[in-house]
Structure formats: C-alpha cells, structure tokens
Amino acid sequence: IFHAPVSFPLSLLERNTGPEPEMRWKIHPGWFEQHVEKLKNAIKDGADLPPLIVHYLIPEGESVGEFEMNDGNHRLEAFKRLGMERYHVIFWCTEKHEYDQLMERFGDLME
C-alpha cells in the first residue's frame, strides 16, 4: 500500500545509511560527506529532487510501527543540515494494519 507524496516533518525520520557505527548500511565517511555536500548545493540552487521513500512497518512481535528509510538517506541528511523542516515523502506499507496505524499515528502531520 502506497500513500502518495505528502509533506512530512523530517525530524521524525532517521537515516539507516551513513558512516556512523550504528548505521545499518555503513558507507565510507568521505564519500558520504561528499555526496551530502553536492546535494546541499543542488538544493540551494533549486534542484527538483524526488520524494523520500519510507517504509512504515510493525516489526514482528511488536505492536507499534517504525519508519525505515528506503530511499533518500543522503537527501534526508542534506535537508536536515540545511535546516529544512519538511519534505515530500512516499510512505509504503506491506500490510493494511500497518497502513491503518500509520494514518492513525501520523496522518494529521501529513500535508
């Protein structure tokens, strides 16, 4: 189930890709910084970047869902470093009950 691009608070999203030890997907710090800087410059120049893609899932054995960044880790970091508070996000859920919970918990934050 997809929820069309909506403006959403970036403060509620976290990266899972980067040079930090806690990242699920680790990449070289130099490359990460270089890519984020290029994106920051593109954003400042008015680039039309695609929406972030975020999976909302309820992990097995849990009752409350969480966000998993699927596309846009570098963009998310660039947006946050530039002080942007909101950006377009496409949410997807694999189960209807996850979608229902997403909308119940966060639907009022979607514009």
Protein backbone atom coordinates (compact mmCIF):
# COMPACT_ATOMS: atom_id res chain seq x y z
CA ILE A 1 0.00 0.00 0.00
CA PHE A 2 1.44 3.36 -1.04
CA HIS A 3 0.48 6.77 0.30
CA ALA A 4 1.08 9.45 -2.35
CA PRO A 5 3.76 12.07 -1.76
CA VAL A 6 2.93 14.19 1.26
CA SER A 7 4.86 16.88 3.07
CA PHE A 8 6.08 15.35 6.34
CA PRO A 9 8.24 16.51 9.29
CA LEU A 10 11.83 15.43 8.69
CA SER A 11 12.53 15.36 12.43
CA LEU A 12 10.53 12.12 12.66
CA LEU A 13 12.74 10.32 10.14
CA GLU A 14 16.19 8.84 10.68
CA ARG A 15 18.84 7.61 8.32
CA ASN A 16 19.89 3.99 8.22
CA THR A 17 22.82 4.64 5.86
CA GLY A 18 25.97 6.54 6.72
CA PRO A 19 29.44 6.29 8.22
CA GLU A 20 28.30 6.09 11.86
CA PRO A 21 28.79 2.73 13.63
CA GLU A 22 25.09 2.37 14.47
CA MET A 23 24.00 2.61 10.83
CA ARG A 24 22.50 -0.50 9.30
CA TRP A 25 24.17 0.28 5.96
CA LYS A 26 27.66 1.67 6.51
CA ILE A 27 29.44 3.64 3.81
CA HIS A 28 32.79 5.42 3.61
CA PRO A 29 32.70 8.73 5.54
CA GLY A 30 34.45 10.70 2.80
CA TRP A 31 32.05 9.56 0.11
CA PHE A 32 29.06 10.20 2.36
CA GLU A 33 30.16 13.77 3.14
CA GLN A 34 30.98 14.50 -0.49
CA HIS A 35 27.57 13.29 -1.66
CA VAL A 36 25.69 15.22 1.05
CA GLU A 37 27.59 18.41 0.17
CA LYS A 38 26.72 18.01 -3.52
CA LEU A 39 23.07 17.56 -2.60
CA LYS A 40 23.11 20.61 -0.33
CA ASN A 41 24.47 22.72 -3.18
CA ALA A 42 21.89 21.32 -5.60
CA ILE A 43 19.09 22.07 -3.11
CA LYS A 44 20.36 25.62 -2.65
CA ASP A 45 20.34 26.00 -6.45
CA GLY A 46 16.70 24.93 -6.58
CA ALA A 47 17.08 21.32 -7.76
CA ASP A 48 13.86 19.37 -8.08
CA LEU A 49 14.68 16.24 -6.08
CA PRO A 50 12.44 13.18 -5.79
CA PRO A 51 10.48 12.43 -2.63
CA LEU A 52 11.92 10.27 0.12
CA ILE A 53 10.61 6.72 0.22
CA VAL A 54 9.82 5.43 3.68
CA HIS A 55 8.54 2.02 4.72
CA TYR A 56 6.28 2.03 7.76
CA LEU A 57 6.36 -1.39 9.35
CA ILE A 58 5.39 -3.06 12.56
CA PRO A 59 8.27 -5.39 13.47
CA GLU A 60 7.37 -8.97 14.29
CA GLY A 61 6.35 -9.29 17.93
CA GLU A 62 5.81 -5.53 18.31
CA SER A 63 2.59 -3.54 18.40
CA VAL A 64 3.93 -0.12 17.38
CA GLY A 65 5.36 0.59 13.96
CA GLU A 66 8.51 2.39 12.93
CA PHE A 67 9.89 4.21 9.91
CA GLU A 68 12.53 2.61 7.72
CA MET A 69 14.22 4.88 5.19
CA ASN A 70 14.31 3.03 1.86
CA ASP A 71 15.45 5.79 -0.48
CA GLY A 72 16.78 9.23 0.34
CA ASN A 73 19.26 8.83 3.20
CA HIS A 74 21.69 11.34 1.70
CA ARG A 75 18.89 13.75 0.78
CA LEU A 76 17.47 13.49 4.31
CA GLU A 77 20.86 14.41 5.77
CA ALA A 78 21.27 17.31 3.34
CA PHE A 79 17.77 18.63 4.11
CA LYS A 80 18.38 18.46 7.85
CA ARG A 81 21.77 20.19 7.57
CA LEU A 82 20.09 22.98 5.63
CA GLY A 83 17.50 23.36 8.38
CA MET A 84 14.57 22.17 6.30
CA GLU A 85 11.71 21.02 8.48
CA ARG A 86 9.50 19.22 5.94
CA TYR A 87 9.84 17.44 2.64
CA HIS A 88 7.84 15.18 0.38
CA VAL A 89 7.63 11.54 1.42
CA ILE A 90 6.06 8.49 -0.19
CA PHE A 91 5.06 6.04 2.51
CA TRP A 92 4.55 2.38 1.81
CA CYS A 93 3.28 -0.44 3.99
CA THR A 94 3.14 -4.14 3.25
CA GLU A 95 0.09 -4.81 5.43
CA LYS A 96 -3.21 -2.96 5.75
CA HIS A 97 -2.99 -2.84 9.55
CA GLU A 98 0.39 -1.09 9.21
CA TYR A 99 -1.13 1.49 6.88
CA ASP A 100 -4.05 1.99 9.26
CA GLN A 101 -1.66 2.55 12.16
CA LEU A 102 0.49 4.94 10.10
CA MET A 103 -2.55 7.05 9.31
CA GLU A 104 -3.83 6.92 12.90
CA ARG A 105 -0.48 7.96 14.41
CA PHE A 106 0.83 10.36 11.76
CA GLY A 107 -1.96 11.20 9.33
CA ASP A 108 -2.55 14.62 10.91
CA LEU A 109 1.11 15.54 10.23
CA MET A 110 0.82 14.85 6.51
CA GLU A 111 0.16 17.81 4.25
